Protein backbone atom coordinates (compact mmCIF):
# COMPACT_ATOMS: atom_id res chain seq x y z
CA MET A 1 -74.64 42.67 148.24
CA LEU A 2 -73.27 46.10 147.61
CA ILE A 3 -71.37 48.92 149.29
CA SER A 4 -74.15 51.34 150.12
CA LYS A 5 -72.11 54.04 151.89
CA ALA A 6 -68.53 55.20 152.24
CA SER A 7 -66.83 57.74 154.50
CA ILE A 8 -63.34 58.79 153.43
CA TYR A 9 -61.06 60.89 155.60
CA GLY A 10 -57.56 62.19 154.98
CA TYR A 11 -56.69 60.42 151.72
CA LYS A 12 -54.84 62.66 149.26
CA ASN A 13 -57.11 65.59 148.40
CA LEU A 14 -60.17 63.90 149.96
CA LYS A 15 -60.22 65.50 153.39
CA GLN A 16 -63.74 64.45 154.43
CA ILE A 17 -66.30 62.80 152.15
CA ASP A 18 -69.50 60.89 152.90
CA LEU A 19 -71.25 59.19 149.98
CA SER A 20 -74.12 56.85 149.20
CA PHE A 21 -73.83 54.35 146.35
CA ASN A 22 -75.88 52.22 143.98
CA ARG A 23 -74.62 49.12 142.17
CA LEU A 24 -73.27 51.36 139.42
CA VAL A 25 -71.46 54.51 140.52
CA ILE A 26 -70.26 57.08 138.00
CA PHE A 27 -67.83 59.76 139.15
CA ILE A 28 -67.72 62.87 136.97
CA GLY A 29 -65.56 65.92 137.48
CA GLU A 30 -62.78 68.02 136.06
CA ASN A 31 -59.16 66.94 135.83
CA ASN A 32 -57.42 66.84 139.20
CA SER A 33 -60.71 66.99 141.10
CA GLY A 34 -60.15 63.70 142.94
CA LYS A 35 -61.94 61.04 140.87
CA SER A 36 -58.96 58.68 140.69
CA ASN A 37 -58.31 59.20 144.40
CA LEU A 38 -61.89 58.16 145.14
CA LEU A 39 -61.54 55.00 143.06
CA ARG A 40 -58.36 54.08 144.92
CA ALA A 41 -59.71 54.94 148.38
CA ILE A 42 -62.80 52.77 148.01
CA THR A 43 -60.67 49.68 147.38
CA LEU A 44 -58.39 50.11 150.42
CA PRO A 45 -60.45 47.90 152.77
CA PHE A 46 -60.59 45.01 150.29
CA VAL A 47 -58.43 42.22 148.89
CA ASN A 48 -56.90 42.72 145.47
CA ASN A 49 -57.53 39.93 142.95
CA GLU A 50 -54.05 40.39 141.50
CA ILE A 51 -51.25 38.07 142.58
CA GLY A 52 -49.14 39.19 145.51
CA SER A 53 -50.80 42.60 145.83
CA VAL A 54 -51.69 42.67 149.52
CA ASN A 55 -49.65 45.60 150.86
CA LYS A 56 -51.96 48.45 151.77
CA ASN A 57 -49.49 50.77 153.44
CA LEU A 58 -49.62 54.26 152.01
CA GLY A 59 -46.92 56.75 151.10
CA TRP A 60 -46.21 60.05 152.82
CA HIS A 61 -47.75 62.05 149.96
CA GLU A 62 -50.99 60.05 150.11
CA ILE A 63 -51.88 61.66 153.44
CA ASN A 64 -54.06 64.76 153.04
CA ASN A 65 -52.01 67.95 152.78
CA ASP A 66 -54.40 70.03 154.91
CA LEU A 67 -54.13 67.55 157.77
CA LYS A 68 -50.34 67.56 157.53
CA ARG A 69 -50.30 71.35 157.39
CA ASN A 70 -52.42 71.53 160.56
CA TYR A 71 -50.06 69.09 162.24
CA PHE A 72 -46.95 71.12 161.41
CA ASP A 73 -48.68 74.37 162.42
CA PHE A 74 -49.50 72.77 165.77
CA ILE A 75 -45.87 71.75 166.26
CA GLU A 76 -44.69 75.25 165.42
CA GLU A 77 -47.19 76.85 167.80
CA ASN A 78 -46.27 74.45 170.60
CA LEU A 79 -42.54 74.18 169.98
CA ASP A 80 -41.55 75.34 173.47
CA ARG A 81 -43.95 72.90 175.15
CA ILE A 82 -42.57 70.06 173.03
CA LYS A 83 -38.96 70.91 173.86
CA SER A 84 -39.74 71.06 177.57
CA ALA A 85 -41.82 67.86 177.47
CA ASP A 86 -44.90 69.76 178.72
CA LEU A 87 -47.20 68.74 175.87
CA PRO A 88 -49.77 66.09 176.95
CA LEU A 89 -49.75 62.99 174.75
CA GLU A 90 -53.55 63.12 174.30
CA GLU A 91 -53.41 66.67 172.94
CA PHE A 92 -50.58 65.76 170.57
CA GLN A 93 -52.30 62.59 169.41
CA GLU A 94 -55.38 64.53 168.28
CA GLN A 95 -53.24 66.41 165.75
CA ILE A 96 -51.57 63.43 164.08
CA PRO A 97 -52.86 62.98 160.49
CA TYR A 98 -54.40 59.66 159.58
CA VAL A 99 -56.36 58.04 156.76
CA SER A 100 -59.69 56.32 157.23
CA VAL A 101 -61.99 54.62 154.75
CA LYS A 102 -65.19 53.30 156.28
CA VAL A 103 -67.61 51.29 154.11
CA ALA A 104 -71.11 50.08 154.91
CA PHE A 105 -72.78 47.10 153.26
CA THR A 106 -76.33 46.28 152.27
CA PRO A 107 -76.64 42.48 152.05
CA GLU A 108 -79.38 40.73 150.11
CA GLY A 109 -80.88 37.52 151.43
CA ALA A 110 -78.31 34.85 152.27
CA ASP A 111 -75.44 37.31 151.68
CA GLU A 112 -75.96 38.50 155.24
CA TYR A 113 -73.84 35.49 156.23
CA PHE A 114 -70.74 37.22 154.83
CA VAL A 115 -71.14 40.36 156.98
CA HIS A 116 -72.88 39.12 160.11
CA LYS A 117 -69.72 39.64 162.21
CA TRP A 118 -69.43 43.29 161.15
CA ILE A 119 -72.48 44.76 162.88
CA SER A 120 -71.74 48.39 163.73
CA SER A 121 -75.18 49.63 164.74
CA ILE A 122 -78.66 48.24 165.37
CA ASN A 123 -80.62 51.47 165.97
CA ASP A 124 -83.18 52.02 163.20
CA GLU A 125 -81.67 49.30 161.05
CA ILE A 126 -78.74 46.95 161.22
CA LEU A 127 -75.58 48.57 159.90
CA TYR A 128 -72.68 46.45 158.70
CA GLU A 129 -69.34 48.27 158.45
CA ILE A 130 -65.61 47.79 158.21
CA GLU A 131 -62.89 50.44 158.26
CA TYR A 132 -59.45 50.76 156.74
CA HIS A 133 -57.26 52.78 159.10
CA PHE A 134 -53.75 54.07 158.40
CA ASN A 135 -52.27 55.78 161.43
CA VAL A 136 -49.21 56.16 163.64
CA ALA A 137 -48.93 52.94 165.59
CA ASN A 138 -47.29 54.46 168.67
CA PRO A 139 -48.03 58.18 169.21
CA ALA A 140 -45.83 58.30 172.32
CA GLU A 141 -42.87 57.10 170.27
CA LEU A 142 -43.59 59.76 167.63
CA LEU A 143 -43.74 62.50 170.29
CA GLN A 144 -40.43 61.33 171.73
CA HIS A 145 -38.97 61.22 168.23
CA ILE A 146 -39.92 64.81 167.31
CA THR A 147 -38.84 66.06 170.75
CA GLN A 148 -35.33 64.81 170.06
CA ILE A 149 -35.28 66.28 166.54
CA LEU A 150 -36.57 69.69 167.65
CA SER A 151 -34.31 70.06 170.68
CA ASP A 152 -32.02 72.49 168.83
CA LYS A 153 -34.38 73.71 166.09
CA THR A 154 -36.30 76.95 165.66
CA ALA A 155 -39.84 77.37 164.36
CA THR A 156 -38.59 78.60 160.99
CA GLU A 157 -36.67 75.34 160.46
CA ILE A 158 -39.73 73.10 160.81
CA LYS A 159 -40.79 73.45 157.16
CA ASN A 160 -37.44 72.00 156.03
CA ILE A 161 -37.71 68.78 158.07
CA GLN A 162 -41.38 67.87 157.70
CA ILE A 163 -40.86 64.31 156.49
CA ASN A 164 -38.70 63.60 159.55
CA LEU A 165 -41.32 65.11 161.85
CA LEU A 166 -43.95 62.74 160.46
CA PRO A 167 -42.02 59.62 159.40
CA ILE A 168 -44.11 57.26 157.34
CA GLU A 169 -42.20 54.32 158.85
CA MET A 170 -44.17 54.84 162.07
CA TYR A 171 -47.49 54.31 160.29
CA GLN A 172 -49.29 51.01 159.88
CA TYR A 173 -52.62 50.00 158.44
CA SER A 174 -55.40 47.93 159.94
CA ILE A 175 -58.85 46.82 158.85
CA ASN A 176 -61.29 46.83 161.75
CA ILE A 177 -64.92 46.62 162.75
CA PRO A 178 -65.52 50.26 163.83
CA SER A 179 -68.01 49.60 166.62
CA ILE A 180 -65.79 47.19 168.57
CA LYS A 181 -62.34 48.12 167.17
CA GLU A 182 -61.55 44.48 166.50
CA PRO A 183 -59.60 43.41 163.40
CA VAL A 184 -61.45 41.92 160.45
CA ALA A 185 -60.40 38.31 159.90
CA PHE A 186 -58.67 37.72 156.57
CA ASN A 187 -60.84 34.64 155.99
CA ASP A 188 -63.88 36.93 156.09
CA LEU A 189 -62.30 39.67 154.01
CA ILE A 190 -61.22 37.25 151.26
CA ASN A 191 -64.87 37.13 150.15
CA PHE A 192 -64.66 40.80 149.11
CA LYS A 193 -62.31 41.39 146.19
CA TYR A 194 -61.59 44.12 143.72
CA ASN A 195 -60.03 44.68 140.32
CA SER A 196 -58.74 48.06 139.15
CA LEU A 197 -58.36 49.16 135.55
CA SER A 198 -56.48 52.44 135.52
CA ALA A 199 -56.45 55.05 132.77
CA GLU A 200 -52.75 54.42 132.11
CA ARG A 201 -53.18 51.43 129.81
CA ASP A 202 -51.84 52.88 126.54
CA ASP A 203 -48.98 50.37 126.40
CA PHE A 204 -51.37 47.46 126.22
CA SER A 205 -50.11 45.01 123.57
CA ASN A 206 -47.99 47.76 122.07
CA ARG A 207 -44.97 45.48 121.89
CA ASN A 208 -44.75 42.83 119.21
CA THR A 209 -42.98 40.32 121.47
CA GLN A 210 -44.96 40.37 124.69
CA LEU A 211 -48.47 40.42 126.00
CA GLY A 212 -47.81 43.94 127.21
CA SER A 213 -50.06 44.07 130.27
CA GLN A 214 -49.26 42.93 133.79
CA ALA A 215 -52.98 42.74 134.49
CA LEU A 216 -53.50 40.24 131.68
CA VAL A 217 -50.46 38.19 132.72
CA LYS A 218 -51.89 37.98 136.23
CA LEU A 219 -55.29 37.10 134.80
CA LEU A 220 -53.83 34.16 132.88
CA HIS A 221 -51.80 33.14 135.92
CA ASN A 222 -54.93 33.09 138.08
CA LYS A 223 -56.69 30.89 135.56
CA LEU A 224 -54.01 28.18 135.86
CA GLY A 225 -54.53 25.66 138.63
CA ASN A 226 -51.82 23.33 139.92
CA GLU A 227 -52.72 20.64 137.38
CA GLN A 228 -52.49 23.10 134.50
CA LYS A 229 -49.12 24.43 135.73
CA VAL A 230 -47.74 20.85 135.81
CA LYS A 231 -48.87 20.39 132.20
CA VAL A 232 -47.11 23.62 131.21
CA GLU A 233 -43.85 22.39 132.79
CA GLU A 234 -44.16 18.98 131.12
CA SER A 235 -44.81 20.64 127.76
CA TYR A 236 -41.74 22.80 128.19
CA GLY A 237 -39.64 19.65 128.92
CA ASN A 238 -40.94 17.96 125.76
CA PHE A 239 -40.20 21.07 123.75
CA PHE A 240 -36.64 21.13 125.09
CA ASN A 241 -35.99 17.46 124.29
CA ASP A 242 -37.26 17.98 120.74
CA LEU A 243 -34.98 20.99 120.43
CA LYS A 244 -31.92 18.94 121.40
CA THR A 245 -32.78 16.20 118.91
CA VAL A 246 -33.41 18.53 116.01
CA SER A 247 -30.36 20.70 116.59
CA ASP A 248 -27.94 17.76 117.18
CA LEU A 249 -26.13 19.84 119.78
CA ASP A 250 -24.57 16.75 121.43
CA ASN A 251 -21.87 16.57 118.74
CA VAL A 252 -21.07 20.23 119.16
CA PHE A 253 -20.64 20.31 122.94
CA ASN A 254 -19.19 16.82 123.50
CA TRP A 255 -16.18 17.02 121.21
CA GLN A 256 -14.26 14.69 123.56
CA GLU A 257 -16.48 11.78 122.47
CA SER A 258 -15.24 11.91 118.87
CA THR A 259 -11.77 13.47 119.12
CA GLU A 260 -8.58 11.60 118.16
CA ILE A 261 -7.04 12.57 121.49
CA ASP A 262 -7.07 9.29 123.38
CA ASN A 263 -7.39 10.54 126.93
CA ALA A 264 -9.77 13.50 126.36
CA LYS A 265 -12.56 11.67 128.13
CA ASP A 266 -10.40 11.40 131.24
CA PHE A 267 -10.40 15.15 131.64
CA PHE A 268 -13.91 16.10 130.48
CA SER A 269 -17.19 14.57 131.52
CA LYS A 270 -20.07 14.46 129.11
CA ILE A 271 -21.77 17.85 128.71
CA THR A 272 -25.56 17.86 128.75
CA LEU A 273 -28.08 20.57 128.07
CA MET A 274 -30.46 21.12 131.03
CA PRO A 275 -33.85 22.82 130.69
CA ASN A 276 -33.92 26.21 132.40
CA MET A 277 -37.62 26.30 133.20
CA PRO A 278 -38.67 29.97 133.47
CA SER A 279 -41.41 31.12 135.85
CA ILE A 280 -44.99 30.75 134.71
CA SER A 281 -45.35 34.55 134.65
CA SER A 282 -42.29 34.84 132.41
CA LEU A 283 -43.73 32.30 130.00
CA LEU A 284 -47.12 34.02 129.93
CA ASN A 285 -45.55 37.42 129.38
CA ASN A 286 -44.09 36.15 126.10
CA VAL A 287 -47.48 35.21 124.69
CA LYS A 288 -48.79 37.40 121.91
CA LEU A 289 -52.45 38.25 121.43
CA GLY A 290 -54.10 38.16 118.05
CA ILE A 291 -57.30 39.47 116.56
CA GLY A 292 -58.45 37.32 113.67
CA ASP A 293 -55.36 36.47 111.61
CA GLU A 294 -53.39 39.52 112.76
CA TYR A 295 -51.45 40.32 115.89
CA LEU A 296 -53.25 42.69 118.23
CA HIS A 297 -50.28 45.06 118.36
CA THR A 298 -50.90 45.90 114.69
CA GLN A 299 -54.33 47.34 115.54
CA GLY A 300 -55.05 50.95 116.52
CA LEU A 301 -54.62 52.16 120.09
CA GLY A 302 -58.35 52.63 120.62
CA TYR A 303 -59.21 49.14 119.40
CA ARG A 304 -56.53 47.61 121.64
CA ASN A 305 -58.00 49.46 124.60
CA LEU A 306 -61.49 48.21 123.77
CA VAL A 307 -60.32 44.58 123.56
CA TYR A 308 -58.38 44.96 126.80
CA LEU A 309 -61.39 46.34 128.71
CA LEU A 310 -63.81 43.76 127.35
CA VAL A 311 -61.47 40.91 128.28
CA MET A 312 -60.73 42.23 131.77
CA ILE A 313 -64.35 43.02 132.62
CA ASN A 314 -65.50 39.67 131.29
CA SER A 315 -62.86 37.92 133.43
CA LEU A 316 -64.65 38.77 136.67
CA GLU A 317 -65.51 35.40 138.13
CA ILE A 318 -68.69 35.44 140.12
CA ASN A 319 -69.51 32.35 142.10
CA GLN A 320 -71.51 31.45 145.15
CA ASP A 321 -68.46 31.60 147.41
CA ILE A 322 -67.82 35.30 146.92
CA ALA A 323 -69.82 38.10 148.53
CA LEU A 324 -68.84 41.04 146.37
CA ASN A 325 -66.51 41.72 143.48
CA LEU A 326 -65.66 45.38 142.94
CA LEU A 327 -64.38 46.79 139.69
CA THR A 328 -62.99 50.31 139.47
CA LEU A 329 -62.67 51.57 135.92
CA GLU A 330 -60.89 54.82 135.14
CA GLU A 331 -61.76 56.74 131.97
CA PRO A 332 -63.19 53.84 129.94
CA GLU A 333 -63.59 56.20 126.99
CA ALA A 334 -59.83 56.69 126.53
CA HIS A 335 -58.99 56.49 122.79
CA LEU A 336 -62.39 55.01 121.88
CA CYS A 337 -64.52 56.31 119.02
CA ILE A 338 -68.14 57.13 119.80
CA ASN A 339 -69.45 53.78 118.51
CA ASN A 340 -67.03 51.80 120.67
CA GLU A 341 -67.91 53.96 123.68
CA ARG A 342 -71.53 52.95 123.22
CA LEU A 343 -70.55 49.31 122.75
CA LEU A 344 -68.52 49.32 125.97
CA ALA A 345 -71.28 51.09 127.88
CA SER A 346 -73.77 48.46 126.72
CA PHE A 347 -71.38 45.66 127.71
CA ILE A 348 -70.92 47.14 131.19
CA ASN A 349 -74.68 47.35 131.65
CA SER A 350 -75.03 43.72 130.57
CA ILE A 351 -72.38 42.54 133.05
CA LEU A 352 -74.04 44.37 135.95
CA ASN A 353 -77.44 42.92 135.17
CA LYS A 354 -76.09 39.37 135.22
CA SER A 355 -75.06 39.35 138.86
CA ASN A 356 -75.90 41.03 142.15
CA LYS A 357 -72.40 40.23 143.36
CA THR A 358 -70.69 42.83 141.15
CA GLN A 359 -70.40 46.54 141.87
CA LEU A 360 -68.82 48.94 139.41
CA PHE A 361 -67.23 52.33 140.05
CA ILE A 362 -66.41 54.39 136.94
CA SER A 363 -64.72 57.76 136.52
CA THR A 364 -65.40 59.38 133.18
CA HIS A 365 -65.39 62.56 131.10
CA SER A 366 -67.79 61.10 128.54
CA SER A 367 -71.55 61.53 128.53
CA GLU A 368 -71.89 58.15 126.78
CA PHE A 369 -71.52 56.45 130.17
CA LEU A 370 -74.22 58.62 131.75
CA ASN A 371 -77.61 57.00 131.36
CA LYS A 372 -80.03 59.90 131.70
CA LEU A 373 -82.65 57.52 133.04
CA GLU A 374 -80.29 56.62 135.89
CA LEU A 375 -78.84 59.97 136.98
CA LYS A 376 -79.15 58.75 140.57
CA ASN A 377 -75.94 56.81 139.87
CA VAL A 378 -73.94 59.98 139.21
CA THR A 379 -71.57 61.39 141.84
CA ILE A 380 -70.14 64.86 141.33
CA VAL A 381 -66.47 65.31 142.27
CA LYS A 382 -64.90 68.74 142.59
CA GLU A 383 -61.75 69.98 144.30
CA GLY A 384 -61.56 67.08 146.75
CA ALA A 385 -65.28 67.18 147.62
CA ALA A 386 -67.98 64.86 146.31
CA PHE A 387 -71.72 64.35 146.50
CA SER A 388 -74.20 62.14 144.69
CA LEU A 389 -76.90 63.80 142.61
CA LYS A 390 -79.58 61.84 144.38
CA ALA A 391 -78.42 63.26 147.73
CA VAL A 392 -78.74 66.93 146.74
CA THR A 393 -81.37 66.88 144.00
CA GLU A 394 -85.05 66.07 144.18
CA GLN A 395 -86.24 63.16 142.05
CA ALA A 396 -88.47 65.54 140.12
CA ASP A 397 -85.40 67.55 139.11
CA LEU A 398 -83.56 64.43 138.04
CA ASP A 399 -86.58 63.46 135.97
CA TYR A 400 -86.50 66.92 134.41
CA LEU A 401 -82.86 66.47 133.39
CA SER A 402 -83.66 63.03 131.98
CA LYS A 403 -86.21 64.55 129.63
CA LYS A 404 -83.70 67.04 128.20
CA PHE A 405 -82.82 64.76 125.31
CA ASN A 406 -80.41 67.19 123.65
CA LEU A 407 -78.61 68.33 126.82
CA ASP A 408 -74.95 67.46 127.15
CA PHE A 409 -74.97 66.99 130.89
CA LEU A 410 -71.21 67.21 131.40
CA LYS A 411 -70.85 70.38 129.34
CA PHE A 412 -73.66 71.99 131.31
CA LEU A 413 -72.19 71.14 134.71
CA TYR A 414 -68.49 71.63 134.10
CA SER A 415 -67.99 74.31 131.49
CA ARG A 416 -66.01 77.12 133.10
CA LYS A 417 -68.15 79.57 131.17
CA CYS A 418 -71.58 78.45 129.97
CA ILE A 419 -74.49 80.15 128.24
CA LEU A 420 -77.98 78.66 128.20
CA VAL A 421 -80.28 79.91 125.43
CA GLU A 422 -83.85 79.15 124.46
CA GLY A 423 -83.39 77.96 120.90
CA PRO A 424 -81.10 77.18 117.97
CA SER A 425 -81.19 80.76 116.64
CA GLU A 426 -79.46 82.20 119.70
CA GLU A 427 -77.09 79.23 119.87
CA MET A 428 -75.98 79.62 116.24
CA LEU A 429 -75.69 83.40 116.55
CA ILE A 430 -73.48 83.41 119.65
CA LYS A 431 -71.25 80.61 118.39
CA ALA A 432 -70.81 82.39 115.05
CA TYR A 433 -69.94 85.66 116.79
CA LEU A 434 -67.38 83.98 119.06
CA ASN A 435 -65.77 82.25 116.09
CA GLN A 436 -65.13 85.67 114.54
CA GLN A 437 -63.13 86.90 117.56
CA TYR A 438 -59.75 85.99 116.12
CA ASN A 439 -57.75 88.16 118.52
CA SER A 440 -58.89 86.42 121.71
CA LEU A 441 -59.29 82.93 123.08
CA ASN A 442 -62.57 81.78 124.53
CA ASP A 443 -63.80 78.73 126.42
CA ILE A 444 -67.50 79.61 126.39
CA GLU A 445 -69.95 76.75 125.91
CA VAL A 446 -73.36 77.58 124.41
CA LEU A 447 -76.25 75.17 125.03
CA SER A 448 -79.84 75.35 123.84
CA ILE A 449 -82.44 73.91 126.25
CA HIS A 450 -85.59 75.93 125.31
CA LYS A 451 -87.28 76.28 128.75
CA GLY A 452 -86.86 75.39 132.41
CA PHE A 453 -83.89 77.59 133.29
CA THR A 454 -84.72 77.83 137.01
CA THR A 455 -84.44 74.07 137.56
CA MET A 456 -81.19 74.01 135.61
CA LEU A 457 -79.78 76.88 137.64
CA ASP A 458 -80.69 75.23 140.95
CA ILE A 459 -78.71 72.14 139.97
CA TRP A 460 -75.82 74.15 138.52
CA LEU A 461 -75.50 76.25 141.69
CA LYS A 462 -75.27 73.14 143.88
CA VAL A 463 -72.54 71.65 141.73
CA ASN A 464 -70.56 74.86 141.23
CA HIS A 465 -70.85 76.41 144.67
CA GLY A 466 -67.50 77.89 145.67
CA THR A 467 -65.97 77.62 142.18
CA THR A 468 -64.95 80.37 139.78
CA HIS A 469 -67.24 78.99 137.05
CA ARG A 470 -69.80 81.39 135.58
CA ILE A 471 -73.09 80.86 133.77
CA GLY A 472 -75.26 83.18 131.69
CA ILE A 473 -78.91 82.81 130.72
CA ILE A 474 -80.19 84.52 127.57
CA ARG A 475 -83.96 84.44 127.26
CA ASP A 476 -86.87 86.01 125.38
CA PHE A 477 -89.37 88.34 127.07
CA ASP A 478 -92.42 86.71 125.43
CA ASN A 479 -94.66 89.26 127.21
CA GLN A 480 -94.17 87.44 130.51
CA PRO A 481 -92.94 89.95 133.10
CA LYS A 482 -93.47 87.58 136.05
CA ALA A 483 -91.35 84.88 134.41
CA GLN A 484 -88.68 87.49 133.74
CA GLN A 485 -88.62 88.52 137.39
CA ARG A 486 -88.51 84.91 138.56
CA HIS A 487 -85.50 84.18 136.37
CA GLU A 488 -83.65 87.42 137.05
CA ASN A 489 -83.86 86.79 140.80
CA TYR A 490 -80.86 84.51 140.23
CA ASN A 491 -78.74 87.57 139.53
CA GLN A 492 -78.23 87.77 143.29
CA TYR A 493 -75.55 85.10 142.82
CA LYS A 494 -72.20 86.55 141.77
CA ASN A 495 -71.53 83.73 139.27
CA VAL A 496 -74.92 83.94 137.47
CA LEU A 497 -76.25 86.53 135.03
CA VAL A 498 -79.74 86.27 133.52
CA THR A 499 -80.73 88.71 130.77
CA THR A 500 -83.98 89.10 128.85
CA THR A 501 -84.90 90.82 125.59
CA THR A 502 -86.82 94.08 125.90
CA GLU A 503 -88.64 93.11 122.70
CA TYR A 504 -90.74 89.99 122.36
CA THR A 505 -87.98 87.81 120.91
CA LEU A 506 -84.44 87.93 119.51
CA GLU A 507 -85.12 89.18 115.97
CA PRO A 508 -86.81 92.52 116.81
CA GLU A 509 -84.23 93.07 119.54
CA PHE A 510 -81.44 92.59 117.01
CA VAL A 511 -83.02 94.84 114.37
CA LYS A 512 -83.65 97.71 116.83
CA THR A 513 -80.16 97.70 118.36
CA GLU A 514 -78.31 100.94 117.46
CA ASP A 515 -78.06 101.28 113.62
CA ASN A 516 -78.50 97.57 112.84
CA TYR A 517 -81.73 98.16 110.90
CA GLU A 518 -80.09 99.78 107.86
CA LYS A 519 -77.26 97.25 107.77
CA LEU A 520 -79.61 94.29 108.11
CA LYS A 521 -82.00 95.70 105.55
CA THR A 522 -79.24 96.03 102.97
CA TYR A 523 -77.92 92.57 103.82
CA PHE A 524 -81.23 90.76 103.41
CA ILE A 525 -82.05 92.58 100.17
CA GLU A 526 -78.64 91.94 98.58
CA GLU A 527 -77.89 88.46 99.94
CA HIS A 528 -81.34 86.91 100.37
CA GLY A 529 -83.32 88.72 97.66
CA TRP A 530 -85.95 90.12 100.02
CA ASN A 531 -88.29 92.78 98.60
CA GLU A 532 -87.29 96.28 99.73
CA GLU A 533 -90.94 97.37 99.75
CA GLU A 534 -91.64 94.81 102.47
CA LEU A 535 -88.85 96.16 104.72
CA LYS A 536 -89.78 99.82 105.06
CA THR A 537 -89.65 99.82 108.89
CA ALA A 538 -87.72 98.00 111.59
CA GLU A 539 -90.99 96.31 112.53
CA ASP A 540 -91.42 95.03 108.95
CA LEU A 541 -87.92 93.55 108.91
CA SER A 542 -88.36 91.99 112.37
CA ASN A 543 -91.61 90.28 111.41
CA LYS A 544 -90.25 88.92 108.15
CA TRP A 545 -87.10 87.65 109.85
CA ARG A 546 -89.10 85.94 112.61
CA GLY A 547 -91.24 84.19 110.02
CA ALA A 548 -88.28 82.99 107.94
CA LYS A 549 -86.99 79.46 108.02
CA THR A 550 -84.11 78.32 110.21
CA ASP A 551 -81.91 78.18 107.10
CA THR A 552 -82.08 81.98 106.95
CA MET A 553 -80.60 82.31 110.44
CA LEU A 554 -77.98 79.69 109.62
CA ARG A 555 -76.82 81.62 106.55
CA PHE A 556 -76.93 84.88 108.52
CA CYS A 557 -74.64 83.37 111.16
CA GLN A 558 -72.27 82.08 108.50
CA ASP A 559 -72.06 85.62 107.03
CA ILE A 560 -71.32 87.42 110.31
CA GLY A 561 -68.07 89.35 110.03
CA THR A 562 -68.20 89.65 106.25
CA ASP A 563 -69.35 92.49 103.98
CA TYR A 564 -72.64 94.01 105.22
CA LEU A 565 -72.45 92.32 108.63
CA LYS A 566 -68.87 93.31 109.43
CA ASP A 567 -69.85 96.05 111.91
CA ILE A 568 -73.12 94.61 113.15
CA THR A 569 -73.88 95.26 116.85
CA LEU A 570 -75.00 92.44 119.14
CA PRO A 571 -78.17 93.02 121.17
CA ASN A 572 -77.44 94.44 124.61
CA HIS A 573 -78.79 91.42 126.54
CA ILE A 574 -76.33 89.13 124.69
CA GLU A 575 -73.42 91.57 124.93
CA LYS A 576 -73.88 91.82 128.71
CA VAL A 577 -73.66 88.06 129.18
CA LEU A 578 -70.56 87.73 126.99
CA LYS A 579 -68.74 90.50 128.88
CA PHE A 580 -69.75 88.96 132.22
CA LEU A 581 -68.43 85.53 131.27
CA GLN A 582 -65.13 86.98 130.07
CA SER A 583 -64.54 89.44 132.92
CA GLY A 584 -66.76 88.32 135.78
CA VAL A 585 -68.14 91.86 136.03
CA LYS A 586 -71.86 92.59 135.79
CA GLU A 587 -72.80 95.85 134.10
C-alpha cells in the first residue's frame, strides 16, 4: 500500500499542486519554497501516532494568501451589493477560501480490504481516494456576518478588518470520500497513521535532567500497556515506602507521639506521608538517555540528532493490522557529518525495504539522500509549486543524469548563478579568477560535466522556468560548427547564455586574447622553466600548454593575480558569461 497521488489546494503557499509518488519521496528546493508545507499537508488526512494529537483544524495564516486576497478583492468590488443584500449566496460561496488535500491509494494484494469503501472512480482503473477538507461550515452565516460588519464601512477599511471578515472560528475540517461526499469512518482511518520528525530538533537531550524530546516521551508512553503502567505505579509505591523507612521521617513529623506534653495527641492526629504519584508522562520525561557509559547530553549536537533519528525511525511498528505508516522527515542532514549522513541514508533505505506498509517523505538540502539510480523519487519544489522529475523528464534523461558520477545534482538545479564547463581546466580557472575578486561578492557555482549540455539545459529550464536564476555554458569549438549552433540555440532563453571558443580549445583562446601572449610567455619561462626557444609564437605556446599536465594548469590558477599574471585578460567567451551572470545582460 502506498499513496500514489496527492492534490493539494489552498494550504499556505501551495495554491494548487498535483503530484505522483513512489514509496520514497524526496522533496528538494530552496529555503521557503514550500517543502515543509508539503510534508505537513500530506499528513492532514491521516491519524497521528502521537498521543492526543487528533485536532486537524488549521489557523488563519495556514490558508493560502492568494485565495484570501481574491476573497477580499471580491468583497471590495461587491461592497454595495453586500450592504444591500443583493449578492447571491452561490456567487459569494465560490469566493470563500478553503483547504483541500486529496490522496489516492494504490493497494497491493489483500491491502485492498483497507480501502475498498473509498472507491472514487472505476473508469480505466479503480481509484481509491479520501480528502481532507477545511472550509466554512455555513456560508450563509458568514455572508450575514460580513454584511453586518460592513454596514458602515468603506472599501478602504476592508484591509484593516480582514480577520473579522474571514473568521477562522467558522471553519471546520472533515475527511470525506470525494466521489460520494460521505465522511470517512474513524475505524477505517485508524489503519493509516503518520509520524513527523521536524527539522527543529536541536534541543533533543540537551538538558542533563530530562529526556528532552516530547516525541520520545510519547514513544515510550505508547510502548507501555496497561499491565506495564500498573507495574510502574507499584514500583513507585515501593520506592516511596523504602524512602520513608530510610529517612525515618515519622519521628520528625509526628512530634506529638514522643513529646512530654500529655494531651498533645488529643489535638493532633498522626501525620503520614502519602505518595504523590505523578503522571506516566511526567515520570518518563525525567528519564535520561545514555550512550555507552556517558549521558547522551554530553555528546555533540550532530551525534544526538543521529541517535534521535535512528531511534524514532526504528520505532515504526509495522504489523498486519495496519495498512500504511507514513513518516515525514525534515532535513535529516541537520548537524550531521558526511559519514553520518551516509549512515542515515543507508538505514532509511534498509527500513523501506523491510516493509511495503511504510512510506517515507523527506525534505532535504543534501545530495547524500539523492540516489542517482532512483531520481524518479525526486520532487522539485519551488515558490509554492512542485513537480516530480519523472513527470516532466524522460527516462532517458534521468538515466543520463544518473551516469554523471561527479555531478552535484542540487548545485546544478538550484544555484542562482551556475556555469557548466567541459573540463577541470576551465573549472579551476574560473574559480581561481572569482576568488581574486576581493571587492565584490559572488554566488556563482562552477561545475564540470564534460559533454551533454543540451540534456542538462532541458532539465534546468524545466526546473527554473519563471525564476531569476541564470546559467552559463562555456564550451570548446573542437571544429564542430553544427554542435556549436545546436548549443547556442539555447541563447533564445533570457536566463541562458552559451559561449564557444573561436579557437579549438581554451589554451589557444587564452594565449591569443589581447596581449596575453607576452605575459604568459614570460610567466611560463620564469615560473615553470619552459624553454624560450620553444615559445617563439602564440601557436607554440598554445600547443605546449595544451600538452602540459593538469598540474601546470593548477599552478597557473594558483598564481592568477600575482606577479606576471596580475593583469591577465580572460578570454572573451568566459568574460561574457561572467558578466551575464552578474548583471543579467547579454552582450
